[in-house]
Protein backbone atom coordinates (compact mmCIF):
# COMPACT_ATOMS: atom_id res chain seq x y z
CA MET A 1 -9.14 133.34 102.72
CA GLU A 2 -6.77 134.30 105.67
CA ASN A 3 -3.75 131.86 104.22
CA THR A 4 -4.34 133.70 100.98
CA LEU A 5 -3.75 136.98 102.74
CA ILE A 6 -0.71 135.99 104.57
CA CYS A 7 0.58 134.65 101.25
CA MET A 8 -0.08 137.51 99.31
CA LYS A 9 1.61 139.94 102.12
CA CYS A 10 4.65 137.73 101.67
CA SER A 11 4.51 137.78 98.26
CA HIS A 12 4.24 141.68 98.12
CA ASN A 13 7.39 141.64 100.45
CA ILE A 14 9.20 139.52 98.35
CA ILE A 15 8.37 141.70 95.36
CA LYS A 16 9.55 144.50 96.92
CA THR A 17 12.97 143.36 98.07
CA LYS A 18 13.33 141.96 94.46
CA MET A 19 12.33 145.24 93.17
CA LYS A 20 14.38 147.30 95.40
CA TRP A 21 17.39 144.87 94.49
CA MET A 22 16.50 145.31 90.90
CA GLU A 23 16.06 149.12 91.15
CA ASP A 24 19.83 149.94 91.49
CA ASN A 25 20.75 148.04 88.85
CA THR A 26 17.90 148.80 86.44
CA MET A 27 19.53 152.86 87.51
CA LYS A 28 22.71 151.71 86.48
CA ASN A 29 21.45 150.11 83.37
CA SER A 30 18.13 151.87 82.27
CA LYS A 31 20.45 153.99 80.04
CA GLU A 32 21.83 151.23 78.35
CA ASN A 33 18.75 149.24 78.05
CA ILE A 34 16.61 152.45 76.50
CA ARG A 35 19.27 153.13 73.98
CA CYS A 36 19.19 149.32 73.02
CA PHE A 37 15.54 149.05 73.09
CA LYS A 38 15.03 152.01 70.77
CA PHE A 39 17.84 151.03 68.32
CA PHE A 40 16.96 147.47 68.04
CA GLY A 41 13.06 147.90 68.52
CA LYS A 42 12.63 151.00 65.58
CA PHE A 43 15.13 148.59 63.58
CA ALA A 44 12.45 145.64 63.73
CA TRP A 45 9.66 147.80 63.38
CA GLN A 46 10.90 149.12 60.21
CA ASN A 47 12.34 145.81 58.53
CA ASP A 48 9.35 143.56 59.65
CA LYS A 49 6.34 144.46 61.65
CA LYS A 50 5.12 140.63 61.71
CA TYR A 51 8.02 140.34 64.05
CA TYR A 52 6.10 141.96 67.02
CA LEU A 53 2.90 139.73 66.29
CA PHE A 54 5.07 136.54 66.58
CA LEU A 55 6.33 138.26 69.47
CA LEU A 56 3.00 138.61 71.43
CA MET A 57 1.76 135.18 70.11
CA ASN A 58 5.13 133.41 72.06
CA ILE A 59 4.30 135.41 75.26
CA ILE A 60 0.38 134.17 75.29
CA VAL A 61 1.26 130.83 74.41
CA ASN A 62 4.11 130.45 77.25
CA SER A 63 2.04 131.90 79.56
CA VAL A 64 -0.87 129.15 79.16
CA SER A 65 1.92 126.07 78.61
CA PRO A 66 2.48 125.68 82.36
CA PHE A 67 -1.53 125.56 83.50
CA ILE A 68 -2.49 122.76 81.10
CA SER A 69 -0.36 120.34 83.07
CA ILE A 70 -0.98 121.89 86.55
CA ILE A 71 -4.71 122.06 86.38
CA GLY A 72 -5.00 118.72 84.36
CA THR A 73 -3.14 116.50 86.13
CA GLN A 74 -4.85 117.36 89.29
CA TYR A 75 -8.43 116.55 88.07
CA LEU A 76 -7.22 113.55 86.04
CA ILE A 77 -5.34 111.80 88.91
CA ASP A 78 -7.92 112.74 91.92
CA GLU A 79 -10.41 110.85 89.39
CA ILE A 80 -8.66 107.84 88.99
CA VAL A 81 -7.80 107.79 93.08
CA ASP A 82 -11.26 108.29 93.98
CA GLY A 83 -12.93 105.02 93.26
CA SER A 84 -16.09 106.26 94.88
CA LYS A 85 -16.68 108.86 92.56
CA ARG A 86 -14.67 107.49 89.64
CA ASN A 87 -16.06 108.60 86.12
CA ILE A 88 -14.64 107.20 82.97
CA SER A 89 -15.84 109.92 80.67
CA TRP A 90 -14.37 112.84 83.07
CA ILE A 91 -11.14 110.74 83.17
CA VAL A 92 -11.12 110.40 79.12
CA PHE A 93 -11.99 114.42 79.21
CA TRP A 94 -8.89 115.37 81.32
CA VAL A 95 -6.60 112.72 79.42
CA ALA A 96 -7.90 114.78 76.13
CA PHE A 97 -7.47 117.95 77.78
CA ILE A 98 -3.94 117.53 78.64
CA CYS A 99 -2.72 115.81 75.55
CA ILE A 100 -4.72 117.85 73.17
CA GLY A 101 -3.92 120.85 74.95
CA ASN A 102 -0.19 120.06 74.87
CA PHE A 103 -0.25 119.41 71.33
CA ILE A 104 -1.66 122.42 70.32
CA ILE A 105 0.92 124.71 72.85
CA ALA A 106 3.96 122.56 71.45
CA THR A 107 2.67 123.08 67.83
CA MET A 108 2.07 126.60 68.43
CA ILE A 109 5.37 127.32 70.02
CA LYS A 110 7.32 125.44 67.15
CA TYR A 111 5.36 127.54 64.69
CA VAL A 112 5.93 131.01 66.43
CA GLY A 113 9.61 129.67 67.07
CA GLU A 114 10.14 128.87 63.09
CA ASN A 115 8.87 132.45 62.32
CA ILE A 116 10.67 134.08 65.28
CA ALA A 117 14.13 132.67 64.33
CA ARG A 118 13.14 133.22 60.42
CA ILE A 119 12.75 137.06 60.92
CA GLY A 120 15.97 136.64 63.46
CA GLU A 121 18.20 135.42 60.22
CA LYS A 122 17.02 138.03 57.96
CA PHE A 123 17.96 140.82 60.87
CA ASP A 124 21.36 138.96 61.33
CA ARG A 125 21.90 139.39 57.74
CA ILE A 126 21.11 142.93 57.47
CA PHE A 127 23.16 144.00 60.82
CA LYS A 128 26.12 142.18 58.97
CA THR A 129 25.73 143.38 55.54
CA ASP A 130 25.61 147.22 57.67
CA LEU A 131 28.68 146.39 59.40
CA CYS A 132 30.54 145.63 56.24
CA MET A 133 29.39 148.58 54.82
CA ASN A 134 29.82 150.99 57.38
CA CYS A 135 33.21 149.19 57.63
CA VAL A 136 33.87 150.13 53.74
CA ASN A 137 32.41 153.65 54.18
CA MET A 138 34.39 154.52 57.20
CA LYS A 139 37.31 156.85 56.88
CA PHE A 140 40.65 155.59 55.50
CA LYS A 141 42.54 156.50 58.98
CA TYR A 142 40.69 153.91 61.11
CA THR A 143 41.48 150.94 58.80
CA GLU A 144 44.88 151.50 60.63
CA ASP A 145 44.01 152.36 63.92
CA THR A 146 44.32 149.32 66.13
CA GLU A 147 41.67 150.58 68.78
CA VAL A 148 39.19 151.21 66.02
CA LEU A 149 39.86 147.53 64.86
CA ASP A 150 39.28 146.21 68.19
CA VAL A 151 35.88 148.20 68.21
CA ILE A 152 34.87 146.61 64.95
CA LYS A 153 35.86 143.12 66.15
CA ASN A 154 33.75 143.75 69.12
CA ALA A 155 30.85 144.86 67.16
CA GLU A 156 30.87 141.76 64.91
CA ARG A 157 31.41 139.45 67.99
CA ALA A 158 28.03 141.25 69.93
CA LEU A 159 26.14 140.17 66.71
CA ASN A 160 27.15 136.66 66.73
CA GLU A 161 27.13 136.19 70.42
CA THR A 162 23.55 137.81 71.39
CA GLY A 163 21.35 137.35 68.75
CA GLN A 164 20.51 140.60 68.21
CA VAL A 165 16.80 141.84 68.14
CA ASN A 166 15.89 138.15 69.21
CA GLY A 167 18.41 138.25 72.16
CA LEU A 168 17.46 141.54 73.30
CA ILE A 169 13.53 141.86 72.69
CA ASN A 170 13.17 138.15 73.80
CA SER A 171 14.45 138.93 76.99
CA LEU A 172 11.89 141.30 77.32
CA ALA A 173 8.99 138.88 76.29
CA GLY A 174 10.69 136.58 78.66
CA ILE A 175 9.71 138.98 81.81
CA ALA A 176 6.04 139.42 80.46
CA SER A 177 5.37 135.42 80.04
CA ASN A 178 6.65 134.65 83.33
CA PHE A 179 5.48 137.55 85.40
CA ILE A 180 2.04 136.17 84.11
CA VAL A 181 2.72 132.42 84.97
CA ALA A 182 4.05 133.47 88.05
CA LEU A 183 1.03 135.39 89.22
CA GLY A 184 -1.06 132.88 88.20
CA VAL A 185 0.81 130.23 90.20
CA VAL A 186 0.86 132.44 93.32
CA THR A 187 -2.89 132.61 93.29
CA LEU A 188 -3.17 129.17 93.01
CA VAL A 189 -0.60 128.07 95.69
CA CYS A 190 -1.62 130.41 98.23
CA THR A 191 -5.06 129.43 98.60
CA ARG A 192 -3.70 126.09 99.60
CA ILE A 193 -0.21 126.15 101.19
CA PRO A 194 1.62 129.39 101.79
CA LEU A 195 4.46 127.87 103.37
CA LEU A 196 5.78 126.22 99.58
CA MET A 197 6.61 129.89 98.77
CA ILE A 198 9.62 129.92 101.52
CA PRO A 199 11.73 127.72 99.92
CA VAL A 200 11.06 129.11 96.52
CA ILE A 201 11.91 132.51 97.31
CA ILE A 202 15.46 131.08 99.04
CA SER A 203 16.06 129.34 95.54
CA PHE A 204 14.99 132.56 94.14
CA ILE A 205 17.39 134.64 96.03
CA VAL A 206 20.01 132.47 95.38
CA ASN A 207 19.79 132.20 91.81
CA SER A 208 19.43 135.88 91.37
CA TYR A 209 23.02 136.34 92.92
CA THR A 210 24.82 133.45 91.06
CA THR A 211 22.80 134.76 87.50
CA ALA A 212 24.17 138.34 88.50
CA LYS A 213 27.78 137.34 89.20
CA VAL A 214 27.71 134.98 86.33
CA ASN A 215 26.80 137.88 84.35
CA LYS A 216 28.99 140.11 85.68
CA VAL A 217 32.01 137.41 84.92
CA ARG A 218 30.36 137.40 81.30
CA LYS A 219 31.17 140.78 80.53
CA ASN A 220 34.63 140.68 81.70
CA LEU A 221 35.42 137.44 79.30
CA PHE A 222 33.98 139.32 76.43
CA SER A 223 36.14 142.61 77.03
CA GLU A 224 39.06 140.26 77.83
CA MET A 225 38.80 138.00 74.71
CA GLY A 226 38.79 141.32 72.54
CA ASN A 227 42.02 141.46 71.52
CA LEU A 228 42.69 137.62 71.26
CA GLU A 229 39.57 137.68 68.82
CA ARG A 230 41.39 139.89 66.51
CA GLY A 231 44.54 138.00 66.42
CA SER A 232 42.47 134.56 65.98
CA THR A 233 41.23 136.22 62.63
CA TYR A 234 44.76 136.98 61.44
CA PHE A 235 45.85 133.12 62.27
CA ASN A 236 42.45 131.34 61.09
CA THR A 237 41.81 133.68 58.28
CA GLU A 238 44.53 135.73 56.43
CA LEU A 239 47.31 133.22 56.74
CA LEU A 240 45.10 130.97 54.55
CA GLU A 241 45.40 133.10 51.82
CA SER A 242 47.48 132.58 48.81
CA ARG A 243 49.57 135.75 49.36
CA TYR A 244 51.24 133.81 52.24
CA ALA A 245 51.52 130.45 51.15
CA LYS A 246 54.67 131.06 49.20
CA ASP A 247 56.45 132.69 51.56
CA ILE A 248 55.74 130.06 54.25
CA ARG A 249 56.80 127.12 52.12
CA LEU A 250 59.91 128.69 50.53
CA TYR A 251 61.22 130.10 53.92
CA ASP A 252 59.79 126.64 56.09
CA ALA A 253 57.87 129.03 58.37
CA SER A 254 55.24 126.31 59.17
CA GLU A 255 57.15 125.60 62.46
CA LEU A 256 57.53 129.29 63.44
CA PHE A 257 53.73 129.31 62.89
CA GLU A 258 52.94 126.39 64.96
CA LYS A 259 54.98 127.74 67.95
CA LYS A 260 53.20 130.87 67.27
CA TYR A 261 49.68 129.41 67.23
CA ASP A 262 50.40 126.99 69.76
CA GLY A 263 51.23 129.93 72.03
CA TYR A 264 48.26 131.88 70.84
CA VAL A 265 45.67 128.78 71.56
CA ASP A 266 47.24 128.38 75.11
CA LYS A 267 46.21 132.25 75.66
CA LEU A 268 42.78 131.64 74.35
CA TYR A 269 42.44 128.68 76.43
CA ASN A 270 43.77 129.65 79.75
CA THR A 271 41.33 132.93 79.31
CA ASN A 272 38.18 130.77 78.75
CA LYS A 273 39.79 128.14 81.62
CA LYS A 274 40.13 131.40 84.01
CA TYR A 275 36.50 132.19 83.49
CA ASN A 276 34.85 128.81 82.90
CA ILE A 277 35.79 127.97 86.67
CA LYS A 278 34.09 130.91 88.07
CA PHE A 279 31.05 129.75 85.96
CA VAL A 280 31.09 126.29 87.32
CA ASN A 281 31.35 127.40 90.82
CA PHE A 282 28.38 129.74 90.73
CA TRP A 283 26.32 126.88 88.82
CA ASN A 284 27.21 124.17 91.68
CA ILE A 285 26.12 126.62 94.49
CA ASN A 286 22.67 127.33 92.43
CA ASN A 287 22.04 123.72 91.59
CA VAL A 288 22.72 122.77 95.23
CA PHE A 289 20.60 125.01 96.70
CA ARG A 290 17.64 124.18 93.82
CA ALA A 291 18.28 120.34 95.05
CA ILE A 292 17.60 121.36 98.85
CA CYS A 293 14.55 123.58 98.09
CA ASN A 294 12.84 121.11 96.04
CA THR A 295 13.57 118.21 98.76
CA SER A 296 11.73 121.04 101.17
CA ILE A 297 8.87 121.12 98.80
CA TYR A 298 8.67 117.40 98.75
CA ILE A 299 8.59 117.20 102.33
CA LEU A 300 5.84 119.77 102.81
CA LEU A 301 3.41 118.09 100.26
CA ALA A 302 3.86 114.95 101.78
CA VAL A 303 3.17 116.27 105.40
CA ASN A 304 0.11 117.74 104.22
CA ILE A 305 -1.09 114.65 102.05
CA PHE A 306 -0.71 112.67 105.49
CA ASN A 307 -2.49 115.12 107.27
CA LYS A 308 -5.26 115.09 104.66
CA VAL A 309 -5.10 118.92 103.75
CA ILE A 310 -4.58 118.03 100.45
CA SER A 311 -5.70 115.31 97.98
CA ILE A 312 -2.78 113.02 95.54
CA GLY A 313 -3.94 115.25 92.52
CA GLU A 314 -3.21 118.40 94.22
CA PHE A 315 0.10 117.11 95.41
CA SER A 316 0.96 116.63 92.01
CA SER A 317 -0.52 119.92 91.19
CA LEU A 318 1.13 122.37 93.68
CA PHE A 319 4.27 120.61 93.05
CA GLN A 320 4.35 121.44 89.81
CA ALA A 321 2.95 124.87 90.49
CA THR A 322 5.99 125.70 93.14
CA SER A 323 8.20 124.18 90.31
CA LYS A 324 6.82 126.57 87.63
CA PHE A 325 6.85 129.57 90.05
CA GLY A 326 10.06 128.98 91.28
CA ASP A 327 11.58 128.72 86.96
CA ALA A 328 8.96 132.09 86.22
CA ILE A 329 10.96 133.79 88.96
CA SER A 330 14.05 132.52 87.69
CA GLY A 331 13.15 133.32 84.12
CA ILE A 332 12.10 136.70 85.33
CA VAL A 333 15.69 137.31 86.94
CA ASP A 334 17.63 135.58 84.32
CA SER A 335 15.79 137.63 81.48
CA TYR A 336 16.42 140.65 83.05
CA LEU A 337 20.17 140.20 83.84
CA GLY A 338 20.26 138.65 80.39
CA MET A 339 18.73 141.71 78.91
CA ASN A 340 21.36 143.87 80.59
CA TYR A 341 24.03 141.93 79.52
CA THR A 342 22.74 141.55 76.10
CA SER A 343 22.63 145.45 75.90
CA SER A 344 25.88 146.05 77.62
CA ILE A 345 27.48 144.09 74.86
CA LEU A 346 25.39 145.57 71.74
CA LYS A 347 26.14 149.09 72.56
CA TYR A 348 29.77 148.03 70.69
CA TYR A 349 27.27 147.44 67.51
CA ILE A 350 25.68 150.86 68.23
CA ASP A 351 28.74 152.82 69.21
CA PHE A 352 30.29 151.57 65.89
CA VAL A 353 27.48 152.39 63.61
CA GLU A 354 26.34 155.45 65.25
CA SER A 355 30.32 156.92 65.24
CA VAL A 356 30.85 155.77 61.44
CA LYS A 357 27.34 157.39 60.30
CA SER A 358 28.40 160.90 62.37
CA LYS A 359 31.72 160.41 60.54
CA ASN A 360 30.34 159.70 57.34
CA GLU A 361 27.18 161.62 56.61
CA GLU A 362 28.90 163.85 54.45
CA LEU A 363 29.07 160.60 51.84
CA ILE A 364 26.57 161.46 49.40
CA HIS A 365 26.96 159.93 46.36
CA VAL A 366 27.25 161.58 43.25
CA ASP A 367 26.50 160.48 39.52
CA CYS A 368 29.26 158.51 38.11
CA ASN A 369 28.35 160.16 34.81
CA THR A 370 28.31 163.80 36.54
CA ASP A 371 30.93 165.34 34.77
CA ALA A 372 34.09 166.52 37.03
CA PRO A 373 35.69 169.76 36.86
CA SER A 374 37.88 169.80 33.78
CA ARG A 375 40.73 171.91 35.24
CA CYS A 376 41.96 171.24 38.87
CA ASP A 377 44.81 173.21 40.35
CA ILE A 378 46.22 171.90 43.54
CA GLU A 379 47.85 173.81 46.14
CA PHE A 380 49.61 172.28 49.17
CA ASP A 381 49.96 175.29 51.88
CA ASN A 382 52.12 174.78 54.74
CA VAL A 383 51.00 171.24 54.95
CA SER A 384 52.47 169.20 58.10
CA PHE A 385 51.13 165.63 59.06
CA LYS A 386 52.02 162.94 61.62
CA TYR A 387 50.09 159.52 61.63
CA PRO A 388 47.41 159.22 64.32
CA ASN A 389 49.02 158.10 67.63
CA THR A 390 52.31 158.85 66.77
CA GLU A 391 54.26 161.83 67.27
CA ARG A 392 57.06 162.07 64.19
CA TYR A 393 56.00 164.23 61.43
CA ILE A 394 56.43 162.11 58.17
CA LEU A 395 55.68 165.70 56.15
CA LYS A 396 56.93 169.03 57.54
CA ASN A 397 55.68 172.42 55.93
CA ILE A 398 55.18 171.19 52.56
CA SER A 399 54.31 174.08 50.08
CA LEU A 400 53.71 173.48 46.61
CA LYS A 401 51.53 174.32 43.47
CA ILE A 402 50.61 172.07 40.97
CA ASN A 403 48.76 173.79 37.72
CA SER A 404 46.09 172.05 35.98
CA GLY A 405 47.08 169.87 33.30
CA GLU A 406 50.72 169.53 34.56
CA HIS A 407 52.43 166.52 34.57
CA LEU A 408 54.23 166.24 37.70
CA ALA A 409 57.14 163.50 39.35
CA ILE A 410 57.68 162.72 42.88
CA VAL A 411 60.99 160.95 43.47
CA GLY A 412 63.02 160.41 46.77
CA GLN A 413 64.29 157.63 48.74
CA ASN A 414 62.02 155.11 50.63
CA GLY A 415 60.15 156.41 53.59
CA GLU A 416 60.85 159.87 52.74
CA GLY A 417 57.10 161.10 52.52
CA LYS A 418 56.00 160.63 48.82
CA THR A 419 53.26 158.06 49.43
CA THR A 420 52.09 160.03 52.50
CA PHE A 421 51.73 163.24 50.52
CA ILE A 422 49.91 161.32 47.98
CA LYS A 423 47.08 160.01 50.52
CA LEU A 424 47.00 163.40 51.96
CA LEU A 425 45.99 164.44 48.20
CA CYS A 426 43.48 161.49 48.27
CA ARG A 427 42.01 162.97 51.38
CA LEU A 428 42.48 159.26 53.12
CA TYR A 429 43.54 161.15 56.02
CA ASP A 430 41.97 164.66 57.09
CA ASN A 431 43.99 165.61 60.21
CA TYR A 432 46.62 167.56 58.69
CA GLU A 433 48.01 170.97 59.51
CA GLY A 434 47.79 173.53 56.86
CA LYS A 435 45.51 173.79 54.06
CA ILE A 436 45.54 171.68 50.72
CA ILE A 437 43.25 173.43 48.02
CA ILE A 438 41.74 172.28 44.70
CA ASN A 439 40.41 174.96 42.25
CA GLY A 440 40.37 177.27 45.21
CA LYS A 441 38.45 175.35 47.77
CA GLU A 442 39.73 173.36 50.44
CA ALA A 443 39.91 169.80 50.27
CA ARG A 444 38.08 169.31 53.69
CA GLU A 445 35.02 171.29 52.27
CA TYR A 446 34.39 169.13 49.35
CA ASN A 447 31.45 166.55 49.74
CA ALA A 448 33.47 163.11 50.08
CA ALA A 449 32.00 161.49 47.16
CA GLU A 450 32.32 164.63 44.97
CA TYR A 451 35.94 164.97 45.96
CA MET A 452 36.75 161.50 45.44
CA ASN A 453 35.36 161.87 41.83
CA MET A 454 38.01 164.02 40.91
CA LEU A 455 40.76 161.10 41.16
CA SER A 456 41.88 158.40 39.60
CA VAL A 457 44.60 156.80 41.32
CA VAL A 458 46.75 153.58 40.99
CA PHE A 459 48.39 152.60 43.93
CA GLN A 460 51.58 150.44 44.83
CA ASP A 461 49.84 148.17 46.67
CA TYR A 462 46.61 148.48 44.74
CA ARG A 463 44.09 145.35 44.97
CA LEU A 464 42.05 143.47 42.59
CA PHE A 465 38.34 141.94 43.46
CA ALA A 466 37.66 138.62 43.31
CA PHE A 467 34.79 139.30 40.57
CA ASN A 468 35.22 139.61 36.69
CA ILE A 469 37.43 141.46 35.09
CA LYS A 470 35.00 143.96 33.35
CA ASP A 471 33.83 144.71 37.08
CA ASN A 472 37.52 145.13 38.34
CA VAL A 473 37.70 147.63 35.43
CA THR A 474 34.54 149.29 36.00
CA VAL A 475 33.84 149.28 39.51
CA PHE A 476 30.21 148.14 38.91
CA LYS A 477 29.74 151.74 37.23
CA GLU A 478 28.23 152.02 33.52
CA ARG A 479 30.26 155.35 32.23
CA ASN A 480 30.15 156.79 28.50
CA GLU A 481 33.79 155.07 27.89
CA ASP A 482 34.70 152.87 25.10
CA LEU A 483 36.02 149.46 27.37
CA SER A 484 38.16 148.10 24.23
CA GLU A 485 39.89 151.36 23.76
CA ILE A 486 40.59 151.42 27.95
CA TYR A 487 41.88 147.74 27.77
CA LYS A 488 44.13 148.76 24.53
CA LEU A 489 45.75 152.05 26.24
CA ALA A 490 46.47 149.92 29.44
CA GLY A 491 48.09 146.97 27.35
CA VAL A 492 45.92 144.37 28.61
CA ASP A 493 43.71 144.02 25.47
CA GLU A 494 45.99 141.01 24.17
CA TRP A 495 45.34 138.96 27.22
CA ILE A 496 41.94 139.39 27.66
CA ASN A 497 41.08 138.42 24.09
CA LYS A 498 43.01 135.24 24.55
CA LEU A 499 40.22 134.45 27.56
CA GLU A 500 37.61 132.58 26.69
CA ASN A 501 35.21 134.55 28.33
CA LYS A 502 36.69 137.60 27.31
CA ASP A 503 36.23 140.18 30.04
CA ASN A 504 33.93 138.53 31.79
CA THR A 505 36.14 136.27 32.77
CA TYR A 506 36.51 135.96 36.78
CA ILE A 507 39.66 136.93 38.49
CA TYR A 508 40.87 134.04 41.20
CA LYS A 509 38.83 131.30 42.40
CA MET A 510 37.03 132.50 45.08
CA PHE A 511 33.71 132.07 43.61
CA VAL A 512 34.21 130.18 40.49
CA GLU A 513 36.26 127.03 39.84
CA ASP A 514 37.79 128.31 36.47
CA GLY A 515 38.82 131.64 37.55
CA VAL A 516 42.25 133.17 36.60
CA GLU A 517 45.31 134.14 38.36
CA PRO A 518 46.60 137.32 36.52
CA SER A 519 50.58 137.74 36.54
CA GLY A 520 51.69 140.83 38.22
CA GLY A 521 51.96 142.55 35.57
CA GLN A 522 48.63 141.55 34.24
CA ALA A 523 46.91 142.86 37.60
CA GLN A 524 48.79 146.07 37.35
CA LYS A 525 47.51 146.64 33.72
CA LEU A 526 44.28 146.03 34.91
CA ALA A 527 44.73 148.67 37.71
CA ILE A 528 45.57 151.11 35.18
CA ALA A 529 42.63 150.39 33.03
CA ARG A 530 40.38 150.94 36.14
CA ALA A 531 41.76 154.83 36.67
CA LEU A 532 41.87 155.22 32.88
CA TYR A 533 37.94 154.15 33.24
CA LYS A 534 37.10 156.50 35.64
CA ASN A 535 38.52 159.20 33.36
CA ALA A 536 38.98 161.69 36.62
CA PRO A 537 40.86 165.14 35.87
CA ILE A 538 43.60 164.28 38.57
CA VAL A 539 45.36 161.03 37.52
CA ILE A 540 47.78 159.76 40.15
CA LEU A 541 50.20 156.67 39.57
CA ASP A 542 52.14 155.21 42.51
CA GLU A 543 54.88 153.15 40.86
CA PRO A 544 52.88 152.37 37.92
CA THR A 545 55.17 150.09 36.17
CA ALA A 546 57.17 148.22 39.27
CA ALA A 547 55.63 144.67 38.21
CA LEU A 548 56.02 145.15 34.49
CA ASP A 549 58.64 143.65 32.02
CA PRO A 550 60.82 146.64 29.96
CA ILE A 551 58.67 145.96 26.78
CA SER A 552 55.39 146.70 28.69
CA GLU A 553 57.52 149.21 30.58
CA TYR A 554 58.12 151.20 27.59
CA GLU A 555 54.76 150.99 26.31
CA VAL A 556 53.26 152.53 29.14
CA TYR A 557 55.88 155.51 28.99
CA ASN A 558 55.29 155.66 25.24
CA ASN A 559 51.59 155.92 25.71
CA PHE A 560 51.87 158.48 28.72
CA ASP A 561 50.39 161.28 26.87
CA LYS A 562 47.41 159.15 25.64
CA LEU A 563 46.91 157.74 29.15
CA VAL A 564 46.85 160.78 31.01
CA ASN A 565 46.04 163.36 27.93
CA LYS A 566 45.62 166.75 29.24
CA LYS A 567 44.88 165.80 32.86
CA THR A 568 46.86 166.71 35.99
CA ALA A 569 49.06 163.93 36.42
CA ILE A 570 51.24 162.70 39.62
CA TYR A 571 53.81 160.26 39.03
CA ILE A 572 55.75 158.46 41.45
CA SER A 573 58.34 156.06 40.56
CA HIS A 574 61.74 154.94 41.71
CA ARG A 575 62.78 154.54 38.19
CA LEU A 576 64.05 157.98 37.23
CA SER A 577 64.16 157.39 33.71
CA SER A 578 60.57 157.51 33.49
CA CYS A 579 60.62 161.00 35.05
CA LYS A 580 61.59 162.56 31.78
CA PHE A 581 58.21 162.40 30.59
CA CYS A 582 57.00 164.53 32.97
CA ASP A 583 56.94 168.69 33.00
CA ARG A 584 58.35 169.17 36.84
CA ILE A 585 60.05 167.18 39.23
CA ILE A 586 59.88 167.32 42.82
CA VAL A 587 62.77 165.58 45.19
CA PHE A 588 61.42 164.62 48.81
CA SER A 589 63.52 164.09 51.63
CA GLY A 590 63.04 164.05 55.52
CA GLY A 591 59.33 164.96 54.65
CA ALA A 592 60.25 168.08 53.08
CA ILE A 593 61.24 169.20 49.25
CA ILE A 594 64.60 169.69 48.92
CA GLU A 595 64.57 169.99 44.80
CA GLU A 596 62.37 171.21 42.42
CA GLY A 597 62.70 171.71 38.32
CA SER A 598 62.58 169.70 35.08
CA HIS A 599 64.91 166.50 34.47
CA GLU A 600 67.58 168.75 32.99
CA GLU A 601 67.74 171.30 35.35
CA LEU A 602 68.18 168.88 38.12
CA ILE A 603 70.55 166.80 36.42
CA ASN A 604 73.01 169.79 36.10
CA ASN A 605 72.76 170.26 39.90
CA THR A 606 75.64 167.72 40.56
CA SER A 607 75.47 168.25 44.11
CA GLY A 608 71.83 167.56 44.25
CA LEU A 609 69.94 164.22 45.39
CA TYR A 610 68.29 163.54 41.99
CA TYR A 611 71.67 163.88 40.04
CA LYS A 612 72.85 161.02 42.85
CA MET A 613 70.18 158.64 42.26
CA TYR A 614 69.73 159.18 38.71
CA ASN A 615 73.44 158.77 38.15
CA THR A 616 73.30 155.69 40.66
CA GLN A 617 70.59 153.97 38.63
CA ALA A 618 72.25 155.18 35.16
CA LYS A 619 75.41 153.18 35.75
CA TYR A 620 73.76 149.79 35.50
CA TYR A 621 72.35 150.42 32.02
CA LYS A 622 75.71 151.56 30.45
């Protein structure tokens, strides 16, 4: 009884010291932990409540597991060794107790583990889908912001490297089950040999120190690898795409990329090596002290056997118990520090999701068959703009009115602000100065989805998706439009009709072997068809004929009135002969409007930029 009291007092002091050590860290990490548990715990409850049932079963099974061998082996060995009291029935009973008990526990651990893993995989798919969709829905300006791109990459790495819900909540379950084991073992050991706790405590202190240091190093490694991971994606993913293949081969750029890639791999290797050396050093310290403590336990137990304080069975039981106690205490520390590390990494995912949600909460989708306004008057009122994280204004004091139904051409030399003007009209950037007014309402006051419903756009750097032709044109939306007529207007009907599966034919070969690779002209016509199908009141065409042959270009111009009908149309082109189809022409230079008028009016201004550009092109066609 006295030994038990001494041991319990000792344990109380240990736990008090341990709690004091953890308290400082808890104050520092509690907010992150609470935030993460609130986010991921709520997520798990909403998506699969059975997860918590399996988690509870896991705690119970892991708490019971060590005591089957600890108790069973003690009585079995004592029954075998003590010949005077040997009873074959009890030997059979304890053998059966150990074997059947371990079999049941192993089966339960496997069953529970498989179900937790299965649900974890389900959560993983949901998280990664949400990450993908949040990237799709975030404001366009963030797609060109390297800081945001790093945040996205860190959010992706956080999901891949932590196990999300499992990595966080399983740590808490580990603390619970290990605490139960430690409490049971303390009771068992303290009634026999309290001194056995001393080497265990030393081992625990060293383990706590080294684990804390390792986790600190892991956080630093995660942070430093952020930029390198983004570069790794470029080398390992984007460079494998076919759009790079022609240039790499034709310009014999493989050697260049090999040197670049080797240098990049060296950075990755050296960074990992620097931190791995620190990991190994801390692990070696921990292993040395663990070995010394185990040796001390053996010596103490051996002394007590020789002094006939304990039996051989108790020797086995107590050694297992002290070992399990050390494992349990280490498990509590590891789980606690692991939980802090996991929450410190998962915050990147939560930060990203919450920031995107706050920036896109206005994205309430509207019915695609809901009629957009039939008239759209556009006004730029003293608009100036510079790209984020830059100081140079691309547009300066732009004031312009575009009447509903007007067909406007925007021309100018490269880099003068034409495409930026269109990006602002499309509200891809909303950090401009001045006002952009649509039908008397400032563009930023519209619901984003409602605003986008007014625009049909073909950008110069348009992209087709690796889906079938119909899905590329309709973008998975059913509208009251005649697709065959759309194909005909866009000039792509003959090509589609020659295909075996018509508009159910897949573009590219990402998903099917028989996908087709459209020519530049065919792809551009599909992009035009997509804009026509949307049937929005504002049509924006940025170099819509750049990839077309002269005949196809003539067909587009000839069908221009049919393509845009009475809609407001804005047209950007370097081929100035196409501007004759427009009611008015705007000439950009240096981010400002320097000329404005019809083709006839501008061509008569022999000192103007439009006259110079038009005649420079025209002389090559004479």
